[in-house]
N, C-alpha and C. Protein backbone atom coordinates (compact mmCIF):
# COMPACT_ATOMS: atom_id res chain seq x y z
N MET A 1 123.23 68.06 115.33
CA MET A 1 124.28 67.61 116.23
C MET A 1 123.63 66.94 117.44
N ALA A 2 124.15 65.81 117.86
CA ALA A 2 123.61 65.06 118.99
C ALA A 2 123.96 65.73 120.31
N ARG A 3 123.02 65.65 121.25
CA ARG A 3 123.27 66.21 122.58
C ARG A 3 124.23 65.33 123.35
N GLU A 4 125.04 65.98 124.17
CA GLU A 4 125.96 65.23 125.02
C GLU A 4 125.18 64.44 126.07
N GLN A 5 125.64 63.26 126.38
CA GLN A 5 125.02 62.43 127.40
C GLN A 5 126.07 62.10 128.46
N GLY A 6 125.62 61.89 129.69
CA GLY A 6 126.53 61.48 130.75
C GLY A 6 127.21 62.64 131.43
N GLN A 7 128.27 62.30 132.16
CA GLN A 7 128.96 63.27 132.99
C GLN A 7 130.44 63.31 132.62
N LYS A 8 131.00 64.51 132.44
CA LYS A 8 132.41 64.69 132.11
C LYS A 8 133.03 65.61 133.16
N LEU A 9 133.94 65.08 133.95
CA LEU A 9 134.59 65.83 135.02
C LEU A 9 135.59 66.83 134.44
N ILE A 10 135.53 68.06 134.93
CA ILE A 10 136.46 69.11 134.49
C ILE A 10 137.52 69.35 135.55
N ALA A 11 137.08 69.57 136.80
CA ALA A 11 138.02 69.86 137.89
C ALA A 11 137.47 69.35 139.20
N GLN A 12 138.38 68.96 140.10
CA GLN A 12 138.02 68.49 141.42
C GLN A 12 138.82 69.25 142.46
N ASN A 13 138.24 69.43 143.63
CA ASN A 13 138.93 70.08 144.74
C ASN A 13 139.21 69.01 145.79
N LYS A 14 140.27 68.22 145.59
CA LYS A 14 140.60 67.14 146.52
C LYS A 14 141.02 67.68 147.88
N LYS A 15 141.61 68.85 147.88
CA LYS A 15 142.07 69.44 149.14
C LYS A 15 140.89 69.79 150.06
N ALA A 16 139.75 70.10 149.47
CA ALA A 16 138.57 70.44 150.28
C ALA A 16 138.13 69.25 151.12
N ARG A 17 138.18 68.06 150.56
CA ARG A 17 137.79 66.86 151.32
C ARG A 17 138.79 66.57 152.44
N HIS A 18 140.02 67.03 152.29
CA HIS A 18 141.03 66.84 153.33
C HIS A 18 140.90 67.91 154.41
N ASP A 19 140.63 69.15 154.02
CA ASP A 19 140.61 70.27 154.95
C ASP A 19 139.28 70.47 155.66
N TYR A 20 138.19 69.90 155.12
CA TYR A 20 136.87 70.14 155.67
C TYR A 20 136.14 68.83 155.94
N LEU A 21 135.25 68.87 156.93
CA LEU A 21 134.35 67.77 157.22
C LEU A 21 133.05 68.09 156.48
N ILE A 22 132.73 67.30 155.45
CA ILE A 22 131.59 67.57 154.57
C ILE A 22 130.30 67.20 155.30
N GLU A 23 129.38 68.16 155.44
CA GLU A 23 128.10 67.92 156.10
C GLU A 23 127.00 67.60 155.09
N ASP A 24 126.88 68.41 154.02
CA ASP A 24 125.79 68.28 153.06
C ASP A 24 126.28 68.72 151.69
N THR A 25 125.82 68.07 150.62
CA THR A 25 126.25 68.45 149.27
C THR A 25 125.04 68.83 148.42
N PHE A 26 125.29 69.71 147.45
CA PHE A 26 124.26 70.18 146.53
C PHE A 26 124.85 70.24 145.12
N GLU A 27 124.00 70.04 144.12
CA GLU A 27 124.41 70.23 142.73
C GLU A 27 123.78 71.52 142.24
N ALA A 28 124.60 72.40 141.69
CA ALA A 28 124.12 73.70 141.23
C ALA A 28 124.56 73.93 139.79
N GLY A 29 123.71 74.62 139.04
CA GLY A 29 124.08 75.05 137.70
C GLY A 29 124.89 76.33 137.80
N LEU A 30 125.53 76.71 136.71
CA LEU A 30 126.37 77.91 136.67
C LEU A 30 125.89 78.84 135.57
N VAL A 31 125.90 80.14 135.81
CA VAL A 31 125.64 81.12 134.78
C VAL A 31 126.99 81.51 134.21
N LEU A 32 127.25 81.13 132.94
CA LEU A 32 128.55 81.35 132.31
C LEU A 32 128.40 82.12 131.01
N THR A 33 129.50 82.75 130.58
CA THR A 33 129.54 83.37 129.26
C THR A 33 130.05 82.34 128.26
N GLY A 34 129.96 82.65 126.98
CA GLY A 34 130.36 81.72 125.93
C GLY A 34 131.82 81.31 125.99
N THR A 35 132.71 82.26 126.26
CA THR A 35 134.13 81.92 126.29
C THR A 35 134.47 81.07 127.51
N GLU A 36 133.72 81.24 128.60
CA GLU A 36 133.96 80.40 129.78
C GLU A 36 133.60 78.95 129.48
N VAL A 37 132.49 78.74 128.79
CA VAL A 37 132.07 77.38 128.43
C VAL A 37 133.11 76.74 127.51
N LYS A 38 133.61 77.49 126.55
CA LYS A 38 134.63 76.95 125.63
C LYS A 38 135.91 76.60 126.39
N SER A 39 136.30 77.43 127.32
CA SER A 39 137.48 77.15 128.12
C SER A 39 137.27 75.91 128.99
N LEU A 40 136.07 75.75 129.56
CA LEU A 40 135.76 74.56 130.36
C LEU A 40 135.76 73.30 129.49
N ARG A 41 135.26 73.41 128.28
CA ARG A 41 135.24 72.24 127.39
C ARG A 41 136.66 71.77 127.06
N GLN A 42 137.63 72.67 127.15
CA GLN A 42 139.03 72.29 126.98
C GLN A 42 139.59 71.67 128.25
N GLY A 43 138.79 71.62 129.32
CA GLY A 43 139.20 70.98 130.57
C GLY A 43 140.08 71.84 131.45
N ARG A 44 139.91 73.15 131.36
CA ARG A 44 140.77 74.05 132.10
C ARG A 44 139.97 74.79 133.17
N ALA A 45 140.26 74.50 134.44
CA ALA A 45 139.65 75.21 135.57
C ALA A 45 140.35 74.81 136.85
N SER A 46 140.23 75.64 137.88
CA SER A 46 140.81 75.35 139.18
C SER A 46 139.85 75.81 140.28
N LEU A 47 139.54 74.89 141.20
CA LEU A 47 138.61 75.18 142.28
C LEU A 47 139.32 75.43 143.61
N VAL A 48 140.64 75.50 143.62
CA VAL A 48 141.43 75.47 144.85
C VAL A 48 141.02 76.55 145.85
N ASP A 49 140.90 77.80 145.44
CA ASP A 49 140.60 78.89 146.37
C ASP A 49 139.11 79.23 146.42
N GLY A 50 138.28 78.46 145.74
CA GLY A 50 136.88 78.81 145.58
C GLY A 50 136.05 78.70 146.85
N PHE A 51 135.02 79.54 146.93
CA PHE A 51 134.05 79.48 148.01
C PHE A 51 132.73 80.04 147.51
N VAL A 52 131.66 79.76 148.24
CA VAL A 52 130.32 80.20 147.87
C VAL A 52 129.83 81.19 148.91
N ASP A 53 129.18 82.25 148.43
CA ASP A 53 128.62 83.28 149.30
C ASP A 53 127.14 83.45 148.96
N ILE A 54 126.30 83.56 149.99
CA ILE A 54 124.88 83.81 149.79
C ILE A 54 124.66 85.31 150.01
N ASP A 55 124.12 85.98 148.98
CA ASP A 55 123.93 87.42 149.06
C ASP A 55 122.56 87.78 148.47
N GLY A 56 121.68 88.27 149.32
CA GLY A 56 120.36 88.71 148.84
C GLY A 56 119.52 87.58 148.26
N GLY A 57 119.62 86.40 148.84
CA GLY A 57 118.83 85.27 148.35
C GLY A 57 119.39 84.62 147.10
N GLU A 58 120.61 84.98 146.72
CA GLU A 58 121.27 84.38 145.56
C GLU A 58 122.61 83.81 145.99
N ALA A 59 123.01 82.71 145.36
CA ALA A 59 124.29 82.07 145.67
C ALA A 59 125.31 82.47 144.60
N TRP A 60 126.50 82.84 145.05
CA TRP A 60 127.57 83.28 144.15
C TRP A 60 128.83 82.46 144.40
N LEU A 61 129.48 82.05 143.34
CA LEU A 61 130.73 81.29 143.39
C LEU A 61 131.88 82.27 143.17
N HIS A 62 132.76 82.37 144.16
CA HIS A 62 133.88 83.31 144.11
C HIS A 62 135.21 82.58 143.96
N ALA A 63 136.18 83.25 143.36
CA ALA A 63 137.59 82.84 143.31
C ALA A 63 137.85 81.52 142.60
N VAL A 64 136.95 81.09 141.74
CA VAL A 64 137.21 79.90 140.92
C VAL A 64 137.88 80.39 139.64
N HIS A 65 139.00 79.77 139.30
CA HIS A 65 139.80 80.21 138.16
C HIS A 65 139.42 79.43 136.91
N ILE A 66 138.80 80.13 135.96
CA ILE A 66 138.54 79.59 134.62
C ILE A 66 139.35 80.47 133.67
N PRO A 67 140.46 79.95 133.12
CA PRO A 67 141.33 80.81 132.32
C PRO A 67 140.65 81.34 131.06
N GLU A 68 141.18 82.44 130.54
CA GLU A 68 140.61 83.03 129.34
C GLU A 68 140.73 82.05 128.17
N TYR A 69 139.76 82.09 127.29
CA TYR A 69 139.75 81.25 126.11
C TYR A 69 140.79 81.78 125.12
N SER A 70 141.64 80.89 124.64
CA SER A 70 142.78 81.33 123.83
C SER A 70 142.36 81.98 122.51
N GLN A 71 141.25 81.54 121.88
CA GLN A 71 140.80 82.15 120.64
C GLN A 71 139.78 83.26 120.87
N GLY A 72 139.57 83.64 122.14
CA GLY A 72 138.61 84.69 122.45
C GLY A 72 139.13 86.06 122.03
N THR A 73 138.21 86.97 121.78
CA THR A 73 138.59 88.32 121.38
C THR A 73 138.23 89.27 122.51
N TRP A 74 137.71 90.41 122.18
CA TRP A 74 137.33 91.39 123.19
C TRP A 74 136.19 90.88 124.06
N THR A 75 135.52 89.80 123.64
CA THR A 75 134.41 89.24 124.41
C THR A 75 134.88 88.29 125.51
N ASN A 76 136.19 88.12 125.67
CA ASN A 76 136.72 87.21 126.67
C ASN A 76 136.31 87.64 128.07
N HIS A 77 136.29 86.69 128.98
CA HIS A 77 135.87 86.92 130.37
C HIS A 77 137.10 87.12 131.25
N SER A 78 136.88 87.66 132.45
CA SER A 78 137.98 87.72 133.42
C SER A 78 138.06 86.37 134.13
N ALA A 79 139.25 85.94 134.47
CA ALA A 79 139.48 84.57 134.93
C ALA A 79 138.87 84.28 136.30
N ARG A 80 138.85 85.24 137.21
CA ARG A 80 138.38 84.98 138.57
C ARG A 80 137.13 85.78 138.94
N ARG A 81 136.26 86.05 138.00
CA ARG A 81 135.05 86.81 138.31
C ARG A 81 134.09 85.96 139.13
N LYS A 82 133.15 86.61 139.83
CA LYS A 82 132.18 85.84 140.59
C LYS A 82 131.08 85.38 139.63
N ARG A 83 130.60 84.15 139.87
CA ARG A 83 129.62 83.53 138.99
C ARG A 83 128.38 83.13 139.78
N LYS A 84 127.23 83.38 139.20
CA LYS A 84 125.98 83.07 139.88
C LYS A 84 125.70 81.57 139.80
N LEU A 85 125.23 81.01 140.92
CA LEU A 85 124.85 79.61 140.99
C LEU A 85 123.34 79.49 140.86
N LEU A 86 122.90 78.47 140.16
CA LEU A 86 121.48 78.24 139.96
C LEU A 86 121.01 77.15 140.92
N LEU A 87 120.31 77.56 141.96
CA LEU A 87 119.78 76.66 142.97
C LEU A 87 118.32 77.03 143.24
N HIS A 88 117.55 76.08 143.74
CA HIS A 88 116.18 76.36 144.16
C HIS A 88 116.22 77.24 145.41
N GLY A 89 115.16 78.03 145.61
CA GLY A 89 115.08 78.92 146.76
C GLY A 89 115.16 78.16 148.08
N ALA A 90 114.54 76.98 148.14
CA ALA A 90 114.57 76.18 149.37
C ALA A 90 115.99 75.71 149.67
N GLU A 91 116.75 75.37 148.61
CA GLU A 91 118.14 74.94 148.81
C GLU A 91 119.00 76.10 149.32
N ILE A 92 118.79 77.28 148.75
CA ILE A 92 119.55 78.45 149.19
C ILE A 92 119.23 78.76 150.65
N ALA A 93 117.94 78.68 151.02
CA ALA A 93 117.56 78.94 152.41
C ALA A 93 118.17 77.92 153.35
N LYS A 94 118.21 76.65 152.94
CA LYS A 94 118.81 75.60 153.77
C LYS A 94 120.30 75.85 153.95
N ILE A 95 120.99 76.21 152.88
CA ILE A 95 122.43 76.50 152.95
C ILE A 95 122.66 77.69 153.87
N GLU A 96 121.83 78.72 153.73
CA GLU A 96 121.99 79.92 154.55
C GLU A 96 121.81 79.60 156.04
N ARG A 97 120.84 78.74 156.37
CA ARG A 97 120.63 78.34 157.77
C ARG A 97 121.83 77.57 158.30
N GLU A 98 122.37 76.63 157.49
CA GLU A 98 123.50 75.82 157.93
C GLU A 98 124.76 76.65 158.10
N VAL A 99 124.95 77.65 157.24
CA VAL A 99 126.14 78.49 157.32
C VAL A 99 126.06 79.42 158.53
N ALA A 100 124.85 79.73 158.98
CA ALA A 100 124.68 80.59 160.15
C ALA A 100 125.27 79.93 161.41
N GLU A 101 125.39 78.58 161.38
CA GLU A 101 126.03 77.89 162.50
C GLU A 101 127.51 78.27 162.54
N LYS A 102 128.09 78.17 163.71
CA LYS A 102 129.49 78.56 163.88
C LYS A 102 130.43 77.61 163.14
N GLY A 103 131.35 78.17 162.38
CA GLY A 103 132.40 77.39 161.75
C GLY A 103 132.01 76.71 160.46
N MET A 104 130.83 76.97 159.92
CA MET A 104 130.40 76.32 158.68
C MET A 104 130.72 77.23 157.49
N THR A 105 131.05 76.62 156.36
CA THR A 105 131.33 77.35 155.13
C THR A 105 130.82 76.53 153.96
N VAL A 106 130.79 77.12 152.78
CA VAL A 106 130.36 76.41 151.57
C VAL A 106 131.52 76.43 150.58
N VAL A 107 131.96 75.24 150.16
CA VAL A 107 133.09 75.12 149.25
C VAL A 107 132.69 74.30 148.02
N PRO A 108 133.28 74.60 146.86
CA PRO A 108 133.02 73.77 145.68
C PRO A 108 133.87 72.50 145.73
N LEU A 109 133.27 71.35 145.40
CA LEU A 109 133.99 70.09 145.41
C LEU A 109 134.41 69.66 144.01
N SER A 110 133.53 69.84 143.03
CA SER A 110 133.86 69.43 141.66
C SER A 110 133.09 70.27 140.66
N LEU A 111 133.65 70.36 139.47
CA LEU A 111 133.06 71.08 138.35
C LEU A 111 132.99 70.10 137.20
N TYR A 112 131.81 69.97 136.57
CA TYR A 112 131.65 68.97 135.54
C TYR A 112 130.53 69.36 134.58
N PHE A 113 130.50 68.67 133.43
CA PHE A 113 129.39 68.80 132.50
C PHE A 113 128.48 67.61 132.70
N LYS A 114 127.18 67.86 132.86
CA LYS A 114 126.19 66.81 133.00
C LYS A 114 125.17 67.02 131.89
N ASP A 115 125.12 66.08 130.96
CA ASP A 115 124.24 66.17 129.79
C ASP A 115 124.43 67.50 129.05
N GLY A 116 125.69 67.94 128.95
CA GLY A 116 126.02 69.14 128.19
C GLY A 116 125.91 70.44 128.95
N ARG A 117 125.51 70.40 130.20
CA ARG A 117 125.36 71.63 130.99
C ARG A 117 126.40 71.65 132.11
N ALA A 118 126.99 72.84 132.33
CA ALA A 118 128.02 72.98 133.36
C ALA A 118 127.37 72.96 134.74
N LYS A 119 127.88 72.11 135.61
CA LYS A 119 127.37 71.97 136.97
C LYS A 119 128.54 72.04 137.93
N VAL A 120 128.25 72.45 139.16
CA VAL A 120 129.25 72.45 140.22
C VAL A 120 128.64 71.77 141.44
N GLU A 121 129.41 70.90 142.08
CA GLU A 121 128.97 70.26 143.30
C GLU A 121 129.54 71.07 144.46
N ILE A 122 128.64 71.61 145.28
CA ILE A 122 129.08 72.41 146.43
C ILE A 122 128.73 71.67 147.71
N ALA A 123 129.47 71.97 148.77
CA ALA A 123 129.26 71.29 150.03
C ALA A 123 129.27 72.28 151.18
N VAL A 124 128.34 72.08 152.11
CA VAL A 124 128.37 72.80 153.37
C VAL A 124 129.31 72.01 154.26
N ALA A 125 130.36 72.67 154.74
CA ALA A 125 131.43 71.94 155.43
C ALA A 125 131.89 72.71 156.66
N LYS A 126 132.55 71.96 157.53
CA LYS A 126 133.12 72.53 158.74
C LYS A 126 134.63 72.30 158.67
N GLY A 127 135.41 73.32 158.96
CA GLY A 127 136.86 73.21 158.91
C GLY A 127 137.40 72.22 159.91
N LYS A 128 138.36 71.39 159.48
CA LYS A 128 138.98 70.41 160.37
C LYS A 128 140.16 71.04 161.09
N LYS A 129 140.38 70.63 162.30
CA LYS A 129 141.58 71.00 163.04
C LYS A 129 142.71 70.08 162.59
N SER A 130 143.94 70.42 162.91
CA SER A 130 145.08 69.61 162.46
C SER A 130 145.04 68.20 163.03
N TRP A 131 144.53 68.05 164.27
CA TRP A 131 144.47 66.71 164.85
C TRP A 131 143.40 65.87 164.16
N ASP A 132 142.32 66.51 163.63
CA ASP A 132 141.31 65.79 162.86
C ASP A 132 141.92 65.21 161.60
N LYS A 133 142.77 66.02 160.95
CA LYS A 133 143.40 65.58 159.70
C LYS A 133 144.33 64.39 159.97
N ARG A 134 145.12 64.48 161.04
CA ARG A 134 146.03 63.38 161.38
C ARG A 134 145.24 62.12 161.70
N GLN A 135 144.13 62.27 162.42
CA GLN A 135 143.29 61.12 162.78
C GLN A 135 142.70 60.47 161.52
N ALA A 136 142.26 61.27 160.57
CA ALA A 136 141.69 60.74 159.33
C ALA A 136 142.75 59.97 158.54
N ILE A 137 143.97 60.50 158.49
CA ILE A 137 145.06 59.82 157.79
C ILE A 137 145.38 58.50 158.48
N ALA A 138 145.41 58.49 159.81
CA ALA A 138 145.70 57.26 160.57
C ALA A 138 144.61 56.21 160.33
N GLU A 139 143.34 56.62 160.28
CA GLU A 139 142.25 55.68 160.01
C GLU A 139 142.37 55.09 158.62
N ARG A 140 142.68 55.93 157.63
CA ARG A 140 142.84 55.45 156.25
C ARG A 140 143.97 54.43 156.16
N THR A 141 145.10 54.73 156.81
CA THR A 141 146.25 53.83 156.80
C THR A 141 145.90 52.51 157.48
N ALA A 142 145.21 52.56 158.62
CA ALA A 142 144.83 51.34 159.34
C ALA A 142 143.89 50.49 158.50
N ASN A 143 142.92 51.11 157.84
CA ASN A 143 141.99 50.35 156.99
C ASN A 143 142.71 49.72 155.81
N ARG A 144 143.65 50.45 155.21
CA ARG A 144 144.41 49.91 154.08
C ARG A 144 145.23 48.70 154.53
N GLU A 145 145.91 48.80 155.69
CA GLU A 145 146.71 47.68 156.19
C GLU A 145 145.83 46.48 156.52
N LYS A 146 144.64 46.73 157.07
CA LYS A 146 143.71 45.66 157.40
C LYS A 146 143.26 44.92 156.13
N GLU A 147 142.92 45.68 155.08
CA GLU A 147 142.50 45.08 153.82
C GLU A 147 143.63 44.29 153.17
N GLN A 148 144.86 44.80 153.26
CA GLN A 148 146.00 44.09 152.70
C GLN A 148 146.24 42.79 153.45
N ALA A 149 146.09 42.80 154.77
CA ALA A 149 146.28 41.59 155.57
C ALA A 149 145.23 40.54 155.23
N VAL A 150 143.98 40.96 155.06
CA VAL A 150 142.91 40.02 154.67
C VAL A 150 143.20 39.46 153.29
N GLY A 151 143.66 40.29 152.38
CA GLY A 151 143.98 39.83 151.03
C GLY A 151 145.10 38.81 151.04
N ARG A 152 146.14 39.08 151.83
CA ARG A 152 147.24 38.11 151.93
C ARG A 152 146.76 36.81 152.52
N TYR A 153 145.89 36.86 153.52
CA TYR A 153 145.37 35.65 154.17
C TYR A 153 144.55 34.83 153.17
N LEU A 154 143.71 35.51 152.38
CA LEU A 154 142.89 34.80 151.40
C LEU A 154 143.72 34.18 150.28
N LYS A 155 144.85 34.77 149.96
CA LYS A 155 145.74 34.21 148.93
C LYS A 155 146.63 33.11 149.48
N GLY A 156 146.62 32.95 150.80
CA GLY A 156 147.43 31.90 151.40
C GLY A 156 148.84 32.32 151.72
N ILE A 157 149.11 33.61 151.67
CA ILE A 157 150.44 34.11 151.99
C ILE A 157 150.51 34.38 153.49
N ARG A 158 151.46 33.76 154.16
CA ARG A 158 151.61 33.95 155.61
C ARG A 158 152.73 34.94 155.87
N ASP A 159 152.59 35.73 156.92
CA ASP A 159 153.63 36.69 157.30
C ASP A 159 154.77 36.04 158.02
């Protein structure tokens, strides 16, 4: 059987990019059981409530929902168990230093298969205040309107 090539997205946490200011991102492997991998291959997962905790020099992914595999038997996994992340020691130390700063947290951004292996993209982030969110939305809207105006000008359409 041929090995998988490329990247296949399973789940994304779009709300994290809205609620947090992303400082730094890391790619981590996941320690999974067989039924979890089968469930992920069906494209079923949710990162909405997920977070990462550093405990004893190890990184753990909490509250990520990977539903039970439908054809699983007594070997099935629990849906919201904590899962170990595979990171280099230097990366874990860097994350731990950054989280020690006030207001920093680690959230999962996306879950995907890369060359057949399950990976999660995690980010060290700072929570946004409500005015930060409104400002980001206003900037996006202004940029969109500016691009539309340039496009209309280039097409020769006058307002």
